[in-house]
All heavy atoms as atom14 arrays in JSON, in Angstrom:
{
  "sequence": "FFDRNLDTLKTVLSSAEKAAKIRKTEEKAKTNLLTKQKYSFD",
  "atom14_mask": [
    [1, 1, 1, 1, 1, 1, 1, 1, 1, 1, 1, 0, 0, 0],
    [1, 1, 1, 1, 1, 1, 1, 1, 1, 1, 1, 0, 0, 0],
    [1, 1, 1, 1, 1, 1, 1, 1, 0, 0, 0, 0, 0, 0],
    [1, 1, 1, 1, 1, 1, 1, 1, 1, 1, 1, 0, 0, 0],
    [1, 1, 1, 1, 1, 1, 1, 1, 0, 0, 0, 0, 0, 0],
    [1, 1, 1, 1, 1, 1, 1, 1, 0, 0, 0, 0, 0, 0],
    [1, 1, 1, 1, 1, 1, 1, 1, 0, 0, 0, 0, 0, 0],
    [1, 1, 1, 1, 1, 1, 1, 0, 0, 0, 0, 0, 0, 0],
    [1, 1, 1, 1, 1, 1, 1, 1, 0, 0, 0, 0, 0, 0],
    [1, 1, 1, 1, 1, 1, 1, 1, 1, 0, 0, 0, 0, 0],
    [1, 1, 1, 1, 1, 1, 1, 0, 0, 0, 0, 0, 0, 0],
    [1, 1, 1, 1, 1, 1, 1, 0, 0, 0, 0, 0, 0, 0],
    [1, 1, 1, 1, 1, 1, 1, 1, 0, 0, 0, 0, 0, 0],
    [1, 1, 1, 1, 1, 1, 0, 0, 0, 0, 0, 0, 0, 0],
    [1, 1, 1, 1, 1, 1, 0, 0, 0, 0, 0, 0, 0, 0],
    [1, 1, 1, 1, 1, 0, 0, 0, 0, 0, 0, 0, 0, 0],
    [1, 1, 1, 1, 1, 1, 1, 1, 1, 0, 0, 0, 0, 0],
    [1, 1, 1, 1, 1, 1, 1, 1, 1, 0, 0, 0, 0, 0],
    [1, 1, 1, 1, 1, 0, 0, 0, 0, 0, 0, 0, 0, 0],
    [1, 1, 1, 1, 1, 0, 0, 0, 0, 0, 0, 0, 0, 0],
    [1, 1, 1, 1, 1, 1, 1, 1, 1, 0, 0, 0, 0, 0],
    [1, 1, 1, 1, 1, 1, 1, 1, 0, 0, 0, 0, 0, 0],
    [1, 1, 1, 1, 1, 1, 1, 1, 1, 1, 1, 0, 0, 0],
    [1, 1, 1, 1, 1, 1, 1, 1, 1, 0, 0, 0, 0, 0],
    [1, 1, 1, 1, 1, 1, 1, 0, 0, 0, 0, 0, 0, 0],
    [1, 1, 1, 1, 1, 1, 1, 1, 1, 0, 0, 0, 0, 0],
    [1, 1, 1, 1, 1, 1, 1, 1, 1, 0, 0, 0, 0, 0],
    [1, 1, 1, 1, 1, 1, 1, 1, 1, 0, 0, 0, 0, 0],
    [1, 1, 1, 1, 1, 0, 0, 0, 0, 0, 0, 0, 0, 0],
    [1, 1, 1, 1, 1, 1, 1, 1, 1, 0, 0, 0, 0, 0],
    [1, 1, 1, 1, 1, 1, 1, 0, 0, 0, 0, 0, 0, 0],
    [1, 1, 1, 1, 1, 1, 1, 1, 0, 0, 0, 0, 0, 0],
    [1, 1, 1, 1, 1, 1, 1, 1, 0, 0, 0, 0, 0, 0],
    [1, 1, 1, 1, 1, 1, 1, 1, 0, 0, 0, 0, 0, 0],
    [1, 1, 1, 1, 1, 1, 1, 0, 0, 0, 0, 0, 0, 0],
    [1, 1, 1, 1, 1, 1, 1, 1, 1, 0, 0, 0, 0, 0],
    [1, 1, 1, 1, 1, 1, 1, 1, 1, 0, 0, 0, 0, 0],
    [1, 1, 1, 1, 1, 1, 1, 1, 1, 0, 0, 0, 0, 0],
    [1, 1, 1, 1, 1, 1, 1, 1, 1, 1, 1, 1, 0, 0],
    [1, 1, 1, 1, 1, 1, 0, 0, 0, 0, 0, 0, 0, 0],
    [1, 1, 1, 1, 1, 1, 1, 1, 1, 1, 1, 0, 0, 0],
    [1, 1, 1, 1, 1, 1, 1, 1, 0, 0, 0, 0, 0, 0]
  ],
  "atom14_positions": [
    [[0.82, -1.26, 0.01], [-0.01, -0.02, -0.08], [0.86, 1.22, 0.0], [0.7, 2.15, -0.84], [-0.95, 0.04, 1.15], [-1.78, 1.26, 1.28], [-2.95, 1.36, 0.55], [-1.44, 2.36, 1.87], [-3.75, 2.54, 0.54], [-2.08, 3.56, 2.04], [-3.28, 3.68, 1.41], [0.0, 0.0, 0.0], [0.0, 0.0, 0.0], [0.0, 0.0, 0.0]],
    [[1.79, 1.35, 0.86], [2.55, 2.66, 1.05], [3.6, 2.85, -0.09], [3.82, 3.96, -0.43], [3.33, 2.68, 2.42], [2.48, 2.92, 3.55], [2.56, 2.23, 4.71], [1.63, 4.07, 3.52], [1.86, 2.58, 5.94], [0.88, 4.35, 4.59], [0.96, 3.66, 5.8], [0.0, 0.0, 0.0], [0.0, 0.0, 0.0], [0.0, 0.0, 0.0]],
    [[3.98, 1.77, -0.75], [4.93, 2.01, -1.93], [4.05, 2.65, -2.92], [4.66, 3.37, -3.84], [5.31, 0.63, -2.56], [6.49, 0.11, -1.63], [7.01, 0.8, -0.7], [6.82, -1.1, -1.85], [0.0, 0.0, 0.0], [0.0, 0.0, 0.0], [0.0, 0.0, 0.0], [0.0, 0.0, 0.0], [0.0, 0.0, 0.0], [0.0, 0.0, 0.0]],
    [[2.79, 2.56, -2.98], [1.9, 3.1, -4.08], [1.26, 4.46, -3.6], [0.62, 5.23, -4.36], [0.81, 2.29, -4.52], [1.15, 1.05, -5.16], [-0.01, 0.05, -5.3], [0.49, -1.22, -5.83], [-0.33, -2.39, -5.85], [-1.62, -2.27, -5.48], [0.1, -3.49, -6.41], [0.0, 0.0, 0.0], [0.0, 0.0, 0.0], [0.0, 0.0, 0.0]],
    [[1.32, 4.68, -2.21], [0.65, 5.89, -1.71], [1.58, 6.64, -0.8], [1.44, 6.64, 0.54], [-0.6, 5.52, -0.98], [-1.68, 4.82, -1.74], [-2.51, 5.47, -2.33], [-1.52, 3.56, -1.84], [0.0, 0.0, 0.0], [0.0, 0.0, 0.0], [0.0, 0.0, 0.0], [0.0, 0.0, 0.0], [0.0, 0.0, 0.0], [0.0, 0.0, 0.0]],
    [[2.67, 7.38, -1.44], [3.66, 8.0, -0.72], [3.09, 9.24, 0.12], [3.68, 9.46, 1.24], [4.68, 8.55, -1.54], [5.64, 7.39, -2.17], [6.66, 8.0, -3.18], [6.32, 6.59, -1.01], [0.0, 0.0, 0.0], [0.0, 0.0, 0.0], [0.0, 0.0, 0.0], [0.0, 0.0, 0.0], [0.0, 0.0, 0.0], [0.0, 0.0, 0.0]],
    [[2.12, 9.86, -0.29], [1.49, 10.98, 0.5], [0.97, 10.5, 1.79], [1.25, 11.13, 2.82], [0.36, 11.59, -0.29], [0.93, 12.55, -1.46], [2.14, 12.67, -1.59], [0.13, 12.97, -2.28], [0.0, 0.0, 0.0], [0.0, 0.0, 0.0], [0.0, 0.0, 0.0], [0.0, 0.0, 0.0], [0.0, 0.0, 0.0], [0.0, 0.0, 0.0]],
    [[0.23, 9.39, 1.81], [-0.23, 8.86, 3.11], [0.88, 8.48, 3.97], [0.91, 8.81, 5.17], [-1.2, 7.77, 2.84], [-2.21, 7.96, 1.9], [-2.06, 7.22, 4.05], [0.0, 0.0, 0.0], [0.0, 0.0, 0.0], [0.0, 0.0, 0.0], [0.0, 0.0, 0.0], [0.0, 0.0, 0.0], [0.0, 0.0, 0.0], [0.0, 0.0, 0.0]],
    [[1.9, 7.92, 3.44], [3.09, 7.44, 4.19], [3.76, 8.59, 4.79], [4.09, 8.56, 6.07], [3.99, 6.78, 3.28], [5.58, 6.39, 3.92], [5.26, 5.35, 4.92], [6.52, 5.94, 2.86], [0.0, 0.0, 0.0], [0.0, 0.0, 0.0], [0.0, 0.0, 0.0], [0.0, 0.0, 0.0], [0.0, 0.0, 0.0], [0.0, 0.0, 0.0]],
    [[3.86, 9.72, 4.14], [4.5, 10.87, 4.76], [3.62, 11.55, 5.81], [4.16, 12.08, 6.79], [4.77, 12.04, 3.6], [6.02, 11.69, 2.82], [6.16, 12.52, 1.68], [7.35, 12.08, 0.74], [7.3, 12.69, -0.56], [0.0, 0.0, 0.0], [0.0, 0.0, 0.0], [0.0, 0.0, 0.0], [0.0, 0.0, 0.0], [0.0, 0.0, 0.0]],
    [[2.34, 11.48, 5.61], [1.34, 11.97, 6.71], [1.61, 11.16, 7.98], [1.64, 11.76, 9.02], [-0.02, 11.81, 6.21], [-0.19, 12.44, 4.97], [-1.1, 12.25, 7.22], [0.0, 0.0, 0.0], [0.0, 0.0, 0.0], [0.0, 0.0, 0.0], [0.0, 0.0, 0.0], [0.0, 0.0, 0.0], [0.0, 0.0, 0.0], [0.0, 0.0, 0.0]],
    [[1.74, 9.83, 7.89], [1.82, 9.0, 9.05], [3.16, 9.24, 9.78], [3.23, 9.37, 10.96], [1.7, 7.45, 8.64], [1.95, 6.47, 9.85], [0.28, 7.18, 8.08], [0.0, 0.0, 0.0], [0.0, 0.0, 0.0], [0.0, 0.0, 0.0], [0.0, 0.0, 0.0], [0.0, 0.0, 0.0], [0.0, 0.0, 0.0], [0.0, 0.0, 0.0]],
    [[4.28, 9.34, 8.9], [5.53, 9.56, 9.47], [5.73, 10.93, 10.12], [6.38, 11.0, 11.1], [6.69, 9.31, 8.45], [6.83, 7.76, 8.07], [7.8, 7.7, 6.84], [7.35, 6.95, 9.18], [0.0, 0.0, 0.0], [0.0, 0.0, 0.0], [0.0, 0.0, 0.0], [0.0, 0.0, 0.0], [0.0, 0.0, 0.0], [0.0, 0.0, 0.0]],
    [[5.17, 11.93, 9.54], [5.18, 13.27, 10.14], [4.47, 13.44, 11.61], [4.82, 13.88, 12.49], [4.75, 14.44, 9.25], [3.38, 14.25, 9.12], [0.0, 0.0, 0.0], [0.0, 0.0, 0.0], [0.0, 0.0, 0.0], [0.0, 0.0, 0.0], [0.0, 0.0, 0.0], [0.0, 0.0, 0.0], [0.0, 0.0, 0.0], [0.0, 0.0, 0.0]],
    [[3.5, 12.49, 11.62], [2.63, 12.43, 12.81], [3.52, 11.79, 13.87], [3.58, 12.22, 15.08], [1.29, 11.66, 12.65], [0.61, 11.4, 13.75], [0.0, 0.0, 0.0], [0.0, 0.0, 0.0], [0.0, 0.0, 0.0], [0.0, 0.0, 0.0], [0.0, 0.0, 0.0], [0.0, 0.0, 0.0], [0.0, 0.0, 0.0], [0.0, 0.0, 0.0]],
    [[4.27, 10.68, 13.42], [5.11, 9.91, 14.35], [6.36, 10.89, 14.91], [6.68, 10.93, 16.11], [5.7, 8.76, 13.71], [0.0, 0.0, 0.0], [0.0, 0.0, 0.0], [0.0, 0.0, 0.0], [0.0, 0.0, 0.0], [0.0, 0.0, 0.0], [0.0, 0.0, 0.0], [0.0, 0.0, 0.0], [0.0, 0.0, 0.0], [0.0, 0.0, 0.0]],
    [[6.92, 11.75, 13.94], [8.01, 12.6, 14.26], [7.5, 13.61, 15.3], [8.19, 13.9, 16.18], [8.32, 13.28, 12.86], [9.66, 14.05, 13.03], [10.08, 14.66, 11.68], [9.18, 14.81, 10.8], [11.22, 15.01, 11.48], [0.0, 0.0, 0.0], [0.0, 0.0, 0.0], [0.0, 0.0, 0.0], [0.0, 0.0, 0.0], [0.0, 0.0, 0.0]],
    [[6.29, 14.22, 15.09], [5.66, 15.24, 16.13], [5.55, 14.49, 17.36], [5.99, 15.19, 18.45], [4.41, 15.58, 15.54], [3.84, 16.8, 16.25], [2.54, 17.37, 15.47], [1.33, 16.5, 15.77], [0.16, 17.05, 15.2], [0.0, 0.0, 0.0], [0.0, 0.0, 0.0], [0.0, 0.0, 0.0], [0.0, 0.0, 0.0], [0.0, 0.0, 0.0]],
    [[5.03, 13.28, 17.4], [4.75, 12.52, 18.7], [6.16, 12.23, 19.44], [6.28, 12.49, 20.74], [4.24, 11.21, 18.42], [0.0, 0.0, 0.0], [0.0, 0.0, 0.0], [0.0, 0.0, 0.0], [0.0, 0.0, 0.0], [0.0, 0.0, 0.0], [0.0, 0.0, 0.0], [0.0, 0.0, 0.0], [0.0, 0.0, 0.0], [0.0, 0.0, 0.0]],
    [[7.24, 11.95, 18.71], [8.51, 11.7, 19.25], [9.12, 12.95, 19.88], [9.64, 12.91, 20.98], [9.5, 11.09, 18.22], [0.0, 0.0, 0.0], [0.0, 0.0, 0.0], [0.0, 0.0, 0.0], [0.0, 0.0, 0.0], [0.0, 0.0, 0.0], [0.0, 0.0, 0.0], [0.0, 0.0, 0.0], [0.0, 0.0, 0.0], [0.0, 0.0, 0.0]],
    [[8.89, 14.13, 19.25], [9.41, 15.31, 19.95], [8.7, 15.63, 21.23], [9.34, 16.03, 22.19], [9.1, 16.56, 18.92], [10.22, 16.63, 17.84], [9.95, 17.87, 17.0], [11.03, 17.75, 15.7], [10.47, 18.54, 14.62], [0.0, 0.0, 0.0], [0.0, 0.0, 0.0], [0.0, 0.0, 0.0], [0.0, 0.0, 0.0], [0.0, 0.0, 0.0]],
    [[7.37, 15.48, 21.2], [6.6, 15.81, 22.48], [7.04, 14.75, 23.49], [7.3, 15.15, 24.58], [5.0, 15.68, 22.06], [4.65, 16.78, 21.14], [4.4, 15.69, 23.49], [3.25, 16.59, 20.61], [0.0, 0.0, 0.0], [0.0, 0.0, 0.0], [0.0, 0.0, 0.0], [0.0, 0.0, 0.0], [0.0, 0.0, 0.0], [0.0, 0.0, 0.0]],
    [[7.21, 13.42, 23.05], [7.69, 12.49, 24.09], [8.92, 12.81, 24.82], [8.99, 12.81, 25.99], [7.74, 11.11, 23.37], [8.43, 10.1, 24.22], [8.44, 8.69, 23.59], [9.08, 8.66, 22.3], [10.43, 8.38, 22.13], [11.18, 8.3, 23.14], [10.81, 8.42, 20.82], [0.0, 0.0, 0.0], [0.0, 0.0, 0.0], [0.0, 0.0, 0.0]],
    [[9.81, 13.28, 23.9], [11.17, 13.62, 24.61], [11.14, 14.74, 25.49], [11.69, 14.85, 26.65], [12.27, 13.86, 23.4], [12.67, 12.57, 22.76], [13.46, 12.83, 21.39], [13.63, 11.56, 20.67], [13.9, 11.77, 19.24], [0.0, 0.0, 0.0], [0.0, 0.0, 0.0], [0.0, 0.0, 0.0], [0.0, 0.0, 0.0], [0.0, 0.0, 0.0]],
    [[10.31, 15.83, 25.12], [10.21, 16.94, 26.12], [9.45, 16.52, 27.33], [9.87, 16.87, 28.5], [9.15, 17.95, 25.45], [9.6, 18.17, 24.12], [9.17, 19.21, 26.09], [0.0, 0.0, 0.0], [0.0, 0.0, 0.0], [0.0, 0.0, 0.0], [0.0, 0.0, 0.0], [0.0, 0.0, 0.0], [0.0, 0.0, 0.0], [0.0, 0.0, 0.0]],
    [[8.43, 15.54, 27.24], [7.66, 15.11, 28.47], [8.53, 14.19, 29.3], [8.35, 14.19, 30.44], [6.35, 14.49, 28.05], [5.45, 15.61, 27.3], [3.95, 14.98, 27.32], [3.71, 13.83, 27.55], [3.06, 15.97, 27.19], [0.0, 0.0, 0.0], [0.0, 0.0, 0.0], [0.0, 0.0, 0.0], [0.0, 0.0, 0.0], [0.0, 0.0, 0.0]],
    [[9.39, 13.45, 28.62], [10.16, 12.49, 29.42], [11.12, 13.31, 30.36], [11.32, 12.89, 31.44], [11.02, 11.54, 28.48], [10.22, 10.24, 28.16], [10.97, 9.48, 27.11], [12.04, 9.85, 26.61], [10.34, 8.45, 26.72], [0.0, 0.0, 0.0], [0.0, 0.0, 0.0], [0.0, 0.0, 0.0], [0.0, 0.0, 0.0], [0.0, 0.0, 0.0]],
    [[11.55, 14.39, 29.74], [12.54, 15.2, 30.69], [11.75, 15.74, 31.81], [12.07, 15.87, 32.9], [12.96, 16.49, 29.75], [14.26, 16.2, 29.02], [14.73, 17.43, 28.28], [15.57, 17.05, 27.1], [15.66, 18.08, 26.1], [0.0, 0.0, 0.0], [0.0, 0.0, 0.0], [0.0, 0.0, 0.0], [0.0, 0.0, 0.0], [0.0, 0.0, 0.0]],
    [[10.44, 16.35, 31.54], [9.64, 16.82, 32.6], [9.37, 15.68, 33.58], [9.44, 15.92, 34.82], [8.32, 17.19, 32.04], [0.0, 0.0, 0.0], [0.0, 0.0, 0.0], [0.0, 0.0, 0.0], [0.0, 0.0, 0.0], [0.0, 0.0, 0.0], [0.0, 0.0, 0.0], [0.0, 0.0, 0.0], [0.0, 0.0, 0.0], [0.0, 0.0, 0.0]],
    [[9.09, 14.59, 33.18], [8.85, 13.38, 34.02], [10.01, 13.01, 34.9], [9.98, 12.84, 36.16], [8.36, 12.14, 33.07], [7.56, 11.11, 33.82], [7.07, 10.3, 32.69], [6.51, 8.87, 33.31], [5.98, 8.06, 32.34], [0.0, 0.0, 0.0], [0.0, 0.0, 0.0], [0.0, 0.0, 0.0], [0.0, 0.0, 0.0], [0.0, 0.0, 0.0]],
    [[11.11, 13.08, 34.31], [12.47, 12.78, 34.97], [12.63, 13.74, 36.11], [12.92, 13.48, 37.2], [13.65, 12.78, 34.07], [13.38, 11.92, 32.95], [14.83, 12.12, 34.63], [0.0, 0.0, 0.0], [0.0, 0.0, 0.0], [0.0, 0.0, 0.0], [0.0, 0.0, 0.0], [0.0, 0.0, 0.0], [0.0, 0.0, 0.0], [0.0, 0.0, 0.0]],
    [[12.45, 15.04, 35.79], [12.68, 16.17, 36.76], [11.71, 15.95, 37.98], [12.06, 16.16, 39.14], [12.35, 17.43, 36.19], [13.43, 17.8, 35.13], [14.47, 17.16, 35.13], [13.19, 18.84, 34.27], [0.0, 0.0, 0.0], [0.0, 0.0, 0.0], [0.0, 0.0, 0.0], [0.0, 0.0, 0.0], [0.0, 0.0, 0.0], [0.0, 0.0, 0.0]],
    [[10.42, 15.41, 37.58], [9.53, 15.36, 38.68], [9.64, 14.12, 39.55], [9.26, 14.04, 40.72], [8.11, 15.34, 38.13], [7.27, 16.57, 37.86], [6.18, 16.46, 36.94], [6.86, 17.19, 39.2], [0.0, 0.0, 0.0], [0.0, 0.0, 0.0], [0.0, 0.0, 0.0], [0.0, 0.0, 0.0], [0.0, 0.0, 0.0], [0.0, 0.0, 0.0]],
    [[10.23, 13.08, 38.96], [10.18, 11.76, 39.6], [11.62, 11.38, 40.0], [11.98, 10.16, 40.05], [9.68, 10.72, 38.69], [8.19, 10.9, 38.16], [7.8, 9.8, 37.4], [7.27, 11.13, 39.39], [0.0, 0.0, 0.0], [0.0, 0.0, 0.0], [0.0, 0.0, 0.0], [0.0, 0.0, 0.0], [0.0, 0.0, 0.0], [0.0, 0.0, 0.0]],
    [[12.48, 12.41, 40.24], [13.97, 12.11, 40.56], [13.9, 11.25, 41.79], [14.78, 10.5, 42.04], [14.71, 13.33, 40.72], [13.92, 14.26, 41.41], [15.15, 13.96, 39.4], [0.0, 0.0, 0.0], [0.0, 0.0, 0.0], [0.0, 0.0, 0.0], [0.0, 0.0, 0.0], [0.0, 0.0, 0.0], [0.0, 0.0, 0.0], [0.0, 0.0, 0.0]],
    [[12.96, 11.55, 42.78], [12.98, 10.83, 44.01], [12.15, 9.52, 43.96], [11.53, 8.99, 44.82], [12.33, 11.58, 45.09], [13.04, 12.89, 45.38], [12.21, 13.59, 46.44], [12.64, 14.94, 46.72], [11.72, 15.7, 47.52], [0.0, 0.0, 0.0], [0.0, 0.0, 0.0], [0.0, 0.0, 0.0], [0.0, 0.0, 0.0], [0.0, 0.0, 0.0]],
    [[12.15, 8.81, 42.76], [11.44, 7.55, 42.42], [9.97, 7.89, 42.32], [9.35, 8.68, 42.87], [11.69, 6.56, 43.65], [12.95, 5.79, 43.6], [12.78, 4.66, 42.56], [12.1, 3.8, 42.67], [13.58, 4.75, 41.57], [0.0, 0.0, 0.0], [0.0, 0.0, 0.0], [0.0, 0.0, 0.0], [0.0, 0.0, 0.0], [0.0, 0.0, 0.0]],
    [[9.39, 7.0, 41.55], [7.97, 7.26, 41.19], [6.87, 7.11, 42.31], [5.94, 7.69, 42.31], [7.49, 6.44, 39.97], [7.55, 5.02, 40.32], [7.03, 4.25, 38.99], [7.25, 2.75, 39.23], [7.96, 2.11, 38.37], [0.0, 0.0, 0.0], [0.0, 0.0, 0.0], [0.0, 0.0, 0.0], [0.0, 0.0, 0.0], [0.0, 0.0, 0.0]],
    [[7.44, 6.38, 43.43], [6.48, 6.22, 44.52], [6.63, 7.11, 45.72], [6.21, 6.93, 46.78], [6.43, 4.7, 45.03], [5.96, 3.8, 43.97], [6.72, 2.76, 43.42], [4.7, 4.0, 43.29], [6.26, 1.94, 42.37], [4.23, 3.09, 42.38], [4.92, 2.13, 41.89], [4.49, 1.34, 40.87], [0.0, 0.0, 0.0], [0.0, 0.0, 0.0]],
    [[7.54, 8.22, 45.33], [7.67, 9.12, 46.42], [6.77, 10.36, 46.38], [6.95, 11.35, 47.05], [9.02, 9.7, 46.39], [9.18, 10.57, 45.33], [0.0, 0.0, 0.0], [0.0, 0.0, 0.0], [0.0, 0.0, 0.0], [0.0, 0.0, 0.0], [0.0, 0.0, 0.0], [0.0, 0.0, 0.0], [0.0, 0.0, 0.0], [0.0, 0.0, 0.0]],
    [[5.53, 10.15, 45.74], [4.5, 11.15, 45.72], [4.17, 11.57, 47.13], [3.95, 10.61, 48.04], [3.25, 10.69, 45.01], [3.37, 10.45, 43.6], [3.14, 9.46, 42.83], [3.67, 11.76, 42.83], [3.25, 9.41, 41.52], [3.78, 11.76, 41.5], [3.57, 10.6, 40.8], [0.0, 0.0, 0.0], [0.0, 0.0, 0.0], [0.0, 0.0, 0.0]],
    [[4.15, 12.73, 47.5], [3.85, 13.06, 48.87], [2.3, 13.11, 48.93], [1.62, 13.6, 47.97], [4.31, 14.49, 49.23], [3.98, 15.51, 48.28], [3.96, 15.2, 47.01], [3.55, 16.58, 48.68], [0.0, 0.0, 0.0], [0.0, 0.0, 0.0], [0.0, 0.0, 0.0], [0.0, 0.0, 0.0], [0.0, 0.0, 0.0], [0.0, 0.0, 0.0]]
  ]
}
C-alpha cells in the first residue's frame, strides 16, 4: 500500500515525528518530577 501511496506514508511519519518530539520533552519533565522515585509522591 505505502509503496503506491507516498502521500499517506509521509502523513503517518510526520505524525510519528511530532509525537517523538513531544515524548522527549515530556520524558524530561517526568524525570525532573520523579527524581525521588515514582512512588515518592507526597
